[in-house]
C-alpha atoms as a PDB file:
ATOM      1  CA  MET A   1       0.001  -0.002   0.000  1.00  0.00           C
ATOM      2  CA  LYS A   2       1.301   3.448  -0.937  1.00  0.00           C
ATOM      3  CA  ASN A   3       0.341   6.378   1.270  1.00  0.00           C
ATOM      4  CA  ARG A   4       0.692   9.985   0.174  1.00  0.00           C
ATOM      5  CA  PHE A   5       0.725  12.363   3.105  1.00  0.00           C
ATOM      6  CA  LYS A   6      -0.590  15.906   2.646  1.00  0.00           C
ATOM      7  CA  PHE A   7       0.241  18.722   5.070  1.00  0.00           C
ATOM      8  CA  ILE A   8      -1.760  21.623   3.662  1.00  0.00           C
ATOM      9  CA  ASN A   9      -2.142  25.267   4.503  1.00  0.00           C
ATOM     10  CA  LEU A  10      -5.247  27.295   5.264  1.00  0.00           C
ATOM     11  CA  PHE A  11      -6.346  27.251   1.634  1.00  0.00           C
ATOM     12  CA  ASN A  12      -5.463  23.632   0.955  1.00  0.00           C
ATOM     13  CA  PHE A  13      -2.379  23.986  -1.201  1.00  0.00           C
ATOM     14  CA  HIS A  14      -0.629  20.679  -0.814  1.00  0.00           C
ATOM     15  CA  SER A  15       2.195  18.547  -2.097  1.00  0.00           C
ATOM     16  CA  ASN A  16       2.371  14.911  -3.002  1.00  0.00           C
ATOM     17  CA  SER A  17       4.843  12.076  -3.263  1.00  0.00           C
ATOM     18  CA  LYS A  18       5.783   9.419  -5.802  1.00  0.00           C
ATOM     19  CA  ASN A  19       5.556  12.039  -8.572  1.00  0.00           C
ATOM     20  CA  ARG A  20       1.764  12.070  -8.437  1.00  0.00           C
ATOM     21  CA  ILE A  21       1.304  15.750  -7.728  1.00  0.00           C
ATOM     22  CA  LYS A  22      -2.178  17.270  -7.527  1.00  0.00           C
ATOM     23  CA  ASN A  23      -1.277  20.611  -6.040  1.00  0.00           C
ATOM     24  CA  CYS A  24      -3.888  23.283  -5.448  1.00  0.00           C
ATOM     25  CA  GLN A  25      -6.866  21.140  -6.425  1.00  0.00           C
ATOM     26  CA  GLY A  26      -7.939  21.388  -2.780  1.00  0.00           C
ATOM     27  CA  THR A  27      -8.975  25.019  -3.345  1.00  0.00           C
ATOM     28  CA  PHE A  28     -12.071  25.810  -5.406  1.00  0.00           C
ATOM     29  CA  VAL A  29     -12.471  29.579  -5.857  1.00  0.00           C
ATOM     30  CA  GLN A  30     -16.027  30.730  -5.371  1.00  0.00           C
ATOM     31  CA  ASN A  31     -16.626  32.715  -8.587  1.00  0.00           C
ATOM     32  CA  CYS A  32     -15.537  32.206 -12.169  1.00  0.00           C
ATOM     33  CA  GLY A  33     -14.242  35.045 -14.336  1.00  0.00           C
ATOM     34  CA  SER A  34     -12.552  36.884 -11.463  1.00  0.00           C
ATOM     35  CA  ILE A  35      -9.018  36.914 -10.071  1.00  0.00           C
ATOM     36  CA  PHE A  36      -8.529  35.849  -6.467  1.00  0.00           C
ATOM     37  CA  THR A  37      -5.353  36.047  -4.434  1.00  0.00           C
ATOM     38  CA  ILE A  38      -4.407  33.142  -2.207  1.00  0.00           C
ATOM     39  CA  VAL A  39      -2.003  33.975   0.583  1.00  0.00           C
ATOM     40  CA  LEU A  40       0.169  31.096   1.665  1.00  0.00           C
ATOM     41  CA  ILE A  41       0.041  31.154   5.455  1.00  0.00           C
ATOM     42  CA  PHE A  42       1.988  27.974   5.983  1.00  0.00           C
ATOM     43  CA  VAL A  43       3.218  25.157   3.784  1.00  0.00           C
ATOM     44  CA  ALA A  44       4.876  22.054   5.126  1.00  0.00           C
ATOM     45  CA  THR A  45       5.810  19.218   2.796  1.00  0.00           C
ATOM     46  CA  PHE A  46       6.367  15.507   3.257  1.00  0.00           C
ATOM     47  CA  SER A  47       7.510  13.723   0.138  1.00  0.00           C
ATOM     48  CA  LEU A  48       8.972  10.325  -0.541  1.00  0.00           C
ATOM     49  CA  ALA A  49      10.439  11.531  -3.815  1.00  0.00           C
ATOM     50  CA  GLY A  50      11.735  15.015  -3.044  1.00  0.00           C
ATOM     51  CA  THR A  51      10.029  18.364  -3.537  1.00  0.00           C
ATOM     52  CA  ASN A  52       9.947  21.337  -5.836  1.00  0.00           C
ATOM     53  CA  LYS A  53       9.650  24.787  -4.299  1.00  0.00           C
ATOM     54  CA  ASP A  54       6.966  25.912  -6.746  1.00  0.00           C
ATOM     55  CA  PRO A  55       3.810  23.752  -6.381  1.00  0.00           C
ATOM     56  CA  ILE A  56       2.307  24.955  -9.672  1.00  0.00           C
ATOM     57  CA  LEU A  57       5.416  24.152 -11.697  1.00  0.00           C
ATOM     58  CA  ARG A  58       5.747  20.837  -9.918  1.00  0.00           C
ATOM     59  CA  SER A  59       2.313  19.797 -11.136  1.00  0.00           C
ATOM     60  CA  LYS A  60       2.936  20.389 -14.837  1.00  0.00           C
ATOM     61  CA  ASN A  61       4.475  17.006 -15.584  1.00  0.00           C
ATOM     62  CA  ALA A  62       2.333  15.024 -13.148  1.00  0.00           C
ATOM     63  CA  ALA A  63       0.267  12.061 -14.281  1.00  0.00           C
ATOM     64  CA  ILE A  64      -3.411  12.930 -14.749  1.00  0.00           C
ATOM     65  CA  SER A  65      -5.844  11.260 -12.379  1.00  0.00           C
ATOM     66  CA  PHE A  66      -9.231  11.931 -10.821  1.00  0.00           C
ATOM     67  CA  ILE A  67      -9.084  12.383  -7.042  1.00  0.00           C
ATOM     68  CA  GLU A  68     -12.341  11.748  -5.216  1.00  0.00           C
ATOM     69  CA  ASN A  69     -13.537  14.586  -2.972  1.00  0.00           C
ATOM     70  CA  LYS A  70     -14.247  13.205   0.477  1.00  0.00           C
ATOM     71  CA  GLY A  71     -14.303  16.601   2.157  1.00  0.00           C
ATOM     72  CA  GLN A  72     -10.804  17.893   1.441  1.00  0.00           C
ATOM     73  CA  VAL A  73     -11.886  20.479  -1.166  1.00  0.00           C
ATOM     74  CA  SER A  74     -12.812  23.961   0.091  1.00  0.00           C
ATOM     75  CA  ASP A  75     -13.092  27.454  -1.385  1.00  0.00           C
ATOM     76  CA  GLN A  76     -10.908  30.491  -0.695  1.00  0.00           C
ATOM     77  CA  PHE A  77     -13.089  31.315   2.315  1.00  0.00           C
ATOM     78  CA  ASN A  78     -12.317  27.898   3.797  1.00  0.00           C
ATOM     79  CA  LYS A  79     -15.844  26.589   3.198  1.00  0.00           C
ATOM     80  CA  PRO A  80     -16.222  22.932   2.138  1.00  0.00           C
ATOM     81  CA  ARG A  81     -17.292  22.411  -1.486  1.00  0.00           C
ATOM     82  CA  LYS A  82     -19.428  19.298  -1.555  1.00  0.00           C
ATOM     83  CA  ASP A  83     -20.485  20.055  -5.138  1.00  0.00           C
ATOM     84  CA  VAL A  84     -16.990  19.079  -6.328  1.00  0.00           C
ATOM     85  CA  LEU A  85     -16.876  15.317  -7.029  1.00  0.00           C
ATOM     86  CA  PHE A  86     -13.341  14.842  -8.399  1.00  0.00           C
ATOM     87  CA  SER A  87     -10.270  17.008  -8.889  1.00  0.00           C
ATOM     88  CA  GLY A  88      -6.963  16.796 -10.709  1.00  0.00           C
ATOM     89  CA  VAL A  89      -4.163  18.688 -12.444  1.00  0.00           C
ATOM     90  CA  VAL A  90      -3.205  18.864 -16.126  1.00  0.00           C
ATOM     91  CA  ASN A  91      -0.389  21.017 -17.529  1.00  0.00           C
ATOM     92  CA  GLY A  92      -0.307  23.176 -14.400  1.00  0.00           C
ATOM     93  CA  MET A  93      -4.074  23.768 -14.540  1.00  0.00           C
ATOM     94  CA  VAL A  94      -6.413  22.428 -11.847  1.00  0.00           C
ATOM     95  CA  TYR A  95      -9.786  20.959 -12.814  1.00  0.00           C
ATOM     96  CA  HIS A  96     -12.826  20.206 -10.640  1.00  0.00           C
ATOM     97  CA  LEU A  97     -15.555  17.871 -11.890  1.00  0.00           C
ATOM     98  CA  LYS A  98     -19.053  18.518 -10.571  1.00  0.00           C
ATOM     99  CA  GLN A  99     -22.471  16.973 -11.228  1.00  0.00           C
ATOM    100  CA  THR A 100     -23.316  19.474 -13.958  1.00  0.00           C
ATOM    101  CA  GLY A 101     -19.980  20.669 -15.314  1.00  0.00           C
ATOM    102  CA  ILE A 102     -16.246  21.105 -14.952  1.00  0.00           C
ATOM    103  CA  SER A 103     -14.243  24.090 -13.670  1.00  0.00           C
ATOM    104  CA  TYR A 104     -10.673  24.998 -14.610  1.00  0.00           C
ATOM    105  CA  GLN A 105      -8.372  27.085 -12.434  1.00  0.00           C
ATOM    106  CA  LEU A 106      -5.269  28.817 -13.754  1.00  0.00           C
ATOM    107  CA  TYR A 107      -2.605  30.245 -11.470  1.00  0.00           C
ATOM    108  CA  LYS A 108      -0.113  33.077 -11.497  1.00  0.00           C
ATOM    109  CA  LYS A 109       2.539  33.214  -8.805  1.00  0.00           C
ATOM    110  CA  ILE A 110       2.952  36.768  -7.515  1.00  0.00           C
ATOM    111  CA  ASP A 111       5.719  36.140  -4.993  1.00  0.00           C
ATOM    112  CA  SER A 112       6.765  33.509  -2.466  1.00  0.00           C
ATOM    113  CA  THR A 113       3.608  34.065  -0.389  1.00  0.00           C
ATOM    114  CA  GLN A 114       0.888  34.962  -2.891  1.00  0.00           C
ATOM    115  CA  THR A 115      -0.668  33.246  -5.887  1.00  0.00           C
ATOM    116  CA  ASN A 116      -3.528  34.586  -8.032  1.00  0.00           C
ATOM    117  CA  VAL A 117      -6.224  32.214  -9.272  1.00  0.00           C
ATOM    118  CA  TYR A 118      -8.568  32.551 -12.260  1.00  0.00           C
ATOM    119  CA  ARG A 119     -11.475  30.175 -12.847  1.00  0.00           C
ATOM    120  CA  LEU A 120     -13.361  29.202 -16.014  1.00  0.00           C
ATOM    121  CA  ASP A 121     -16.492  27.042 -15.941  1.00  0.00           C
ATOM    122  CA  VAL A 122     -17.878  24.672 -18.559  1.00  0.00           C
ATOM    123  CA  ASN A 123     -21.500  23.936 -17.662  1.00  0.00           C
ATOM    124  CA  TRP A 124     -23.331  21.029 -19.274  1.00  0.00           C
ATOM    125  CA  MET A 125     -26.734  22.463 -20.140  1.00  0.00           C
ATOM    126  CA  ARG A 126     -30.059  20.731 -19.362  1.00  0.00           C
ATOM    127  CA  THR A 127     -28.439  17.525 -18.134  1.00  0.00           C
ATOM    128  CA  ASN A 128     -29.985  14.742 -16.112  1.00  0.00           C
ATOM    129  CA  PRO A 129     -29.559  15.776 -12.437  1.00  0.00           C
ATOM    130  CA  ALA A 130     -29.741  12.125 -11.423  1.00  0.00           C
ATOM    131  CA  ALA A 131     -27.008  10.949 -13.807  1.00  0.00           C
ATOM    132  CA  LYS A 132     -25.035   8.154 -12.162  1.00  0.00           C
ATOM    133  CA  VAL A 133     -21.328   8.851 -11.736  1.00  0.00           C
ATOM    134  CA  VAL A 134     -19.199   5.729 -12.261  1.00  0.00           C
ATOM    135  CA  LYS A 135     -15.547   5.613 -11.197  1.00  0.00           C
ATOM    136  CA  GLY A 136     -12.943   4.053 -13.459  1.00  0.00           C
ATOM    137  CA  ASN A 137     -10.126   1.772 -12.354  1.00  0.00           C
ATOM    138  CA  SER A 138      -8.616   2.874  -9.053  1.00  0.00           C
ATOM    139  CA  LEU A 139      -4.944   3.777  -8.869  1.00  0.00           C
ATOM    140  CA  ALA A 140      -2.598   2.283  -6.285  1.00  0.00           C
ATOM    141  CA  GLY A 141      -2.244   4.084  -2.980  1.00  0.00           C
ATOM    142  CA  TYR A 142      -4.161   6.707  -1.049  1.00  0.00           C
ATOM    143  CA  ASP A 143      -3.961  10.434  -0.286  1.00  0.00           C
ATOM    144  CA  HIS A 144      -4.267  11.780   3.257  1.00  0.00           C
ATOM    145  CA  TYR A 145      -5.272  15.387   4.010  1.00  0.00           C
ATOM    146  CA  TYR A 146      -4.508  16.548   7.534  1.00  0.00           C
ATOM    147  CA  THR A 147      -5.541  20.215   7.320  1.00  0.00           C
ATOM    148  CA  THR A 148      -9.095  20.704   6.058  1.00  0.00           C
ATOM    149  CA  ALA A 149     -11.890  23.288   6.306  1.00  0.00           C
ATOM    150  CA  THR A 150     -13.667  21.250   8.961  1.00  0.00           C
ATOM    151  CA  GLY A 151     -10.522  20.641  10.985  1.00  0.00           C
ATOM    152  CA  ILE A 152     -11.065  16.899  10.651  1.00  0.00           C
ATOM    153  CA  PRO A 153      -8.400  14.950   8.712  1.00  0.00           C
ATOM    154  CA  VAL A 154      -9.580  13.306   5.487  1.00  0.00           C
ATOM    155  CA  THR A 155      -7.711  10.059   4.930  1.00  0.00           C
ATOM    156  CA  PHE A 156      -7.583   7.156   2.488  1.00  0.00           C
ATOM    157  CA  VAL A 157      -8.725   9.236  -0.504  1.00  0.00           C
ATOM    158  CA  LYS A 158      -8.612   7.229  -3.717  1.00  0.00           C
ATOM    159  CA  SER A 159      -7.672   8.361  -7.224  1.00  0.00           C
ATOM    160  CA  TYR A 160      -9.082   6.915 -10.438  1.00  0.00           C
ATOM    161  CA  GLU A 161      -8.092   6.594 -14.095  1.00  0.00           C
ATOM    162  CA  GLY A 162     -11.351   8.115 -15.303  1.00  0.00           C
ATOM    163  CA  VAL A 163     -14.938   9.066 -14.520  1.00  0.00           C
ATOM    164  CA  THR A 164     -18.143   8.326 -16.469  1.00  0.00           C
ATOM    165  CA  TYR A 165     -21.485  10.117 -16.173  1.00  0.00           C
ATOM    166  CA  LYS A 166     -24.168   7.618 -17.227  1.00  0.00           C
ATOM    167  CA  SER A 167     -27.171   8.994 -19.156  1.00  0.00           C
ATOM    168  CA  ILE A 168     -26.117  12.601 -18.616  1.00  0.00           C
ATOM    169  CA  TYR A 169     -28.422  13.255 -21.566  1.00  0.00           C
ATOM    170  CA  PRO A 170     -31.059  10.726 -22.696  1.00  0.00           C
ATOM    171  CA  ASN A 171     -29.049   7.664 -23.832  1.00  0.00           C
ATOM    172  CA  ILE A 172     -25.811   9.671 -23.872  1.00  0.00           C
ATOM    173  CA  ASP A 173     -22.865   9.014 -21.527  1.00  0.00           C
ATOM    174  CA  LEU A 174     -19.941  11.348 -20.799  1.00  0.00           C
ATOM    175  CA  HIS A 175     -16.526   9.814 -20.102  1.00  0.00           C
ATOM    176  CA  TYR A 176     -13.522  11.798 -18.781  1.00  0.00           C
ATOM    177  CA  TYR A 177     -10.063  10.218 -18.933  1.00  0.00           C
ATOM    178  CA  SER A 178      -6.460  10.938 -19.865  1.00  0.00           C
ATOM    179  CA  LYS A 179      -4.410   9.733 -22.797  1.00  0.00           C
ATOM    180  CA  GLU A 180      -0.827  10.587 -23.703  1.00  0.00           C
ATOM    181  CA  GLY A 181      -0.744  13.357 -21.127  1.00  0.00           C
ATOM    182  CA  ASP A 182      -3.920  15.090 -22.341  1.00  0.00           C
ATOM    183  CA  LEU A 183      -7.263  15.439 -20.615  1.00  0.00           C
ATOM    184  CA  LYS A 184      -9.954  14.036 -22.895  1.00  0.00           C
ATOM    185  CA  TYR A 185     -13.659  13.431 -22.805  1.00  0.00           C
ATOM    186  CA  ASP A 186     -16.034  11.358 -24.922  1.00  0.00           C
ATOM    187  CA  PHE A 187     -19.745  11.744 -25.429  1.00  0.00           C
ATOM    188  CA  ILE A 188     -21.051   8.229 -26.133  1.00  0.00           C
ATOM    189  CA  VAL A 189     -24.279   8.600 -28.109  1.00  0.00           C
ATOM    190  CA  ALA A 190     -26.386   5.428 -28.121  1.00  0.00           C
ATOM    191  CA  PRO A 191     -28.402   4.407 -31.197  1.00  0.00           C
ATOM    192  CA  HIS A 192     -31.390   6.702 -31.798  1.00  0.00           C
ATOM    193  CA  ALA A 193     -30.209   9.219 -29.165  1.00  0.00           C
ATOM    194  CA  ASN A 194     -30.117  12.853 -30.233  1.00  0.00           C
ATOM    195  CA  TYR A 195     -26.576  14.250 -30.159  1.00  0.00           C
ATOM    196  CA  LYS A 196     -28.058  17.735 -30.508  1.00  0.00           C
ATOM    197  CA  ASP A 197     -29.097  17.521 -26.843  1.00  0.00           C
ATOM    198  CA  ILE A 198     -25.446  18.189 -25.983  1.00  0.00           C
ATOM    199  CA  GLU A 199     -24.745  21.836 -25.197  1.00  0.00           C
ATOM    200  CA  LEU A 200     -21.881  23.398 -23.240  1.00  0.00           C
ATOM    201  CA  GLU A 201     -21.929  26.839 -21.644  1.00  0.00           C
ATOM    202  CA  LEU A 202     -18.566  28.600 -21.233  1.00  0.00           C
ATOM    203  CA  LYS A 203     -18.415  31.078 -18.340  1.00  0.00           C
ATOM    204  CA  GLY A 204     -15.482  33.224 -17.254  1.00  0.00           C
ATOM    205  CA  ALA A 205     -13.644  33.601 -20.577  1.00  0.00           C
ATOM    206  CA  GLU A 206     -12.564  37.066 -21.651  1.00  0.00           C
ATOM    207  CA  LYS A 207     -13.012  36.019 -25.289  1.00  0.00           C
ATOM    208  CA  ILE A 208     -14.175  32.850 -27.059  1.00  0.00           C
ATOM    209  CA  THR A 209     -12.971  32.168 -30.609  1.00  0.00           C
ATOM    210  CA  LEU A 210     -13.794  29.373 -33.055  1.00  0.00           C
ATOM    211  CA  LEU A 211     -10.649  28.749 -35.109  1.00  0.00           C
ATOM    212  CA  SER A 212     -10.431  27.572 -38.704  1.00  0.00           C
ATOM    213  CA  ASN A 213      -8.986  24.231 -37.513  1.00  0.00           C
ATOM    214  CA  GLY A 214     -12.193  23.548 -35.602  1.00  0.00           C
ATOM    215  CA  SER A 215     -10.835  24.241 -32.097  1.00  0.00           C
ATOM    216  CA  VAL A 216     -12.434  26.678 -29.678  1.00  0.00           C
ATOM    217  CA  VAL A 217     -10.099  28.984 -27.720  1.00  0.00           C
ATOM    218  CA  CYS A 218     -11.171  30.493 -24.404  1.00  0.00           C
ATOM    219  CA  LYS A 219      -8.952  33.428 -23.499  1.00  0.00           C
ATOM    220  CA  THR A 220      -8.250  34.170 -19.826  1.00  0.00           C
ATOM    221  CA  PRO A 221      -5.779  36.544 -18.142  1.00  0.00           C
ATOM    222  CA  TYR A 222      -3.477  33.606 -17.372  1.00  0.00           C
ATOM    223  CA  GLY A 223      -3.582  31.580 -20.561  1.00  0.00           C
ATOM    224  CA  GLU A 224      -5.818  30.006 -23.162  1.00  0.00           C
ATOM    225  CA  ILE A 225      -7.972  26.947 -22.554  1.00  0.00           C
ATOM    226  CA  ILE A 226      -8.637  25.088 -25.783  1.00  0.00           C
ATOM    227  CA  GLU A 227     -11.497  22.766 -26.663  1.00  0.00           C
ATOM    228  CA  GLY A 228     -10.062  20.668 -29.475  1.00  0.00           C
ATOM    229  CA  ALA A 229     -12.038  20.072 -32.643  1.00  0.00           C
ATOM    230  CA  PRO A 230     -14.533  17.245 -32.033  1.00  0.00           C
ATOM    231  CA  LEU A 231     -13.787  13.852 -33.546  1.00  0.00           C
ATOM    232  CA  ALA A 232     -16.939  11.825 -34.163  1.00  0.00           C
ATOM    233  CA  TYR A 233     -16.877   8.098 -34.931  1.00  0.00           C
ATOM    234  CA  GLN A 234     -19.538   5.583 -35.848  1.00  0.00           C
ATOM    235  CA  ASN A 235     -18.638   1.903 -36.052  1.00  0.00           C
ATOM    236  CA  GLY A 236     -14.970   2.938 -35.974  1.00  0.00           C
ATOM    237  CA  LYS A 237     -15.373   5.263 -38.976  1.00  0.00           C
ATOM    238  CA  LEU A 238     -14.539   8.953 -38.633  1.00  0.00           C
ATOM    239  CA  ILE A 239     -17.495  11.113 -39.612  1.00  0.00           C
ATOM    240  CA  SER A 240     -17.449  14.844 -40.300  1.00  0.00           C
ATOM    241  CA  SER A 241     -18.406  16.969 -37.295  1.00  0.00           C
ATOM    242  CA  LYS A 242     -17.747  20.441 -35.926  1.00  0.00           C
ATOM    243  CA  TRP A 243     -18.407  22.822 -33.063  1.00  0.00           C
ATOM    244  CA  ILE A 244     -21.187  25.376 -33.363  1.00  0.00           C
ATOM    245  CA  LEU A 245     -20.482  28.494 -31.270  1.00  0.00           C
ATOM    246  CA  MET A 246     -23.332  30.852 -30.443  1.00  0.00           C
ATOM    247  CA  ASN A 247     -22.444  33.555 -27.931  1.00  0.00           C
ATOM    248  CA  ASN A 248     -20.881  31.529 -25.099  1.00  0.00           C
ATOM    249  CA  LYS A 249     -22.545  28.194 -25.869  1.00  0.00           C
ATOM    250  CA  LEU A 250     -21.116  25.216 -27.766  1.00  0.00           C
ATOM    251  CA  SER A 251     -22.961  22.421 -29.527  1.00  0.00           C
ATOM    252  CA  PHE A 252     -22.071  19.734 -32.096  1.00  0.00           C
ATOM    253  CA  GLU A 253     -23.061  19.492 -35.712  1.00  0.00           C
ATOM    254  CA  ILE A 254     -22.669  16.544 -38.076  1.00  0.00           C
ATOM    255  CA  ALA A 255     -22.761  17.358 -41.778  1.00  0.00           C
ATOM    256  CA  GLN A 256     -26.214  16.741 -43.279  1.00  0.00           C
ATOM    257  CA  LYS A 257     -24.744  14.620 -46.077  1.00  0.00           C
ATOM    258  CA  ILE A 258     -23.021  12.439 -43.494  1.00  0.00           C
ATOM    259  CA  GLN A 259     -26.230  12.115 -41.469  1.00  0.00           C
ATOM    260  CA  THR A 260     -28.102  10.724 -44.475  1.00  0.00           C
ATOM    261  CA  GLU A 261     -25.376   8.117 -45.013  1.00  0.00           C
ATOM    262  CA  MET A 262     -25.019   7.095 -41.359  1.00  0.00           C
ATOM    263  CA  THR A 263     -26.006   3.612 -40.291  1.00  0.00           C
ATOM    264  CA  TYR A 264     -28.920   3.392 -37.874  1.00  0.00           C
ATOM    265  CA  PRO A 265     -28.878   2.049 -35.312  1.00  0.00           C
ATOM    266  CA  GLY A 266     -25.239   2.785 -34.644  1.00  0.00           C
ATOM    267  CA  GLN A 267     -23.408   4.255 -31.694  1.00  0.00           C
ATOM    268  CA  ILE A 268     -21.629   7.583 -32.158  1.00  0.00           C
ATOM    269  CA  LYS A 269     -18.603   8.593 -30.087  1.00  0.00           C
ATOM    270  CA  VAL A 270     -17.538  12.232 -30.020  1.00  0.00           C
ATOM    271  CA  THR A 271     -14.022  12.782 -28.604  1.00  0.00           C
ATOM    272  CA  VAL A 272     -12.633  16.150 -27.515  1.00  0.00           C
ATOM    273  CA  ILE A 273      -9.134  16.956 -26.223  1.00  0.00           C
ATOM    274  CA  ARG A 274      -8.833  19.650 -23.586  1.00  0.00           C
ATOM    275  CA  GLU A 275      -5.637  21.705 -23.702  1.00  0.00           C
ATOM    276  CA  LYS A 276      -4.131  24.697 -21.969  1.00  0.00           C
ATOM    277  CA  ARG A 277      -1.757  27.063 -23.726  1.00  0.00           C
ATOM    278  CA  ALA A 278       0.290  29.279 -21.427  1.00  0.00           C
ATOM    279  CA  VAL A 279       0.907  32.909 -22.292  1.00  0.00           C
ATOM    280  CA  ASN A 280       3.347  35.439 -20.865  1.00  0.00           C
ATOM    281  CA  ILE A 281       1.661  37.770 -18.404  1.00  0.00           C
ATOM    282  CA  ALA A 282       3.251  41.124 -17.583  1.00  0.00           C
ATOM    283  CA  ARG A 283       3.453  41.752 -13.854  1.00  0.00           C
END
């Protein structure tokens, strides 16, 4: 059994061991689209594999996993966030999965004691509130959090390879996972289900742009979060699809010609890669 001990400060910044770093996912800032400053009151680190002085930089090459929230996640006011189901880190960006969407937090280190946080939300519109959340394969070991909002240690927290929301839309599942260092998600559309039910609301971006390559770029003060062009498959065959952007809402479209040639019944899988592109920010 591998144990990863977490000694975390007032706002739940923490370090990890065995190169599985999920720093800062313990803090969920209360509002998206605004900059918050986190003041590091105290940070103590226990690591079996050594430490890096900058927790954000240390997370950039960490393996992606989905850490179950058992009470260790709180906001910047030290209030528990029970709406967060799983958290993780990808390319120095923290993500929080909830019942109806996912939030991304980008960080800018001001000095040795202060870090600014910016949050962007992706809300899944008109979803099934009773969608069952299924955990993927569990990873070896546990995380232990000894400083929490409630003052009660949270121990034996498991991490998973992926998370699936069953019937998030009628006969449509949503699967989050990682592959080759990227955070990905699939919408699995069962035969006769309507893929047009899928709609994503983007909140907190300064600007949203649909590029000619099919990707959608969300600009924030601390970098760009990119929704890759959707890849839709039926029976293993790639079919033409694209994002439709209207104001701050995203939906899918499959070319009409392709729709008339599609085999029914036949499952459709739409895959999207989530990326973060860092930009230089003047202090």
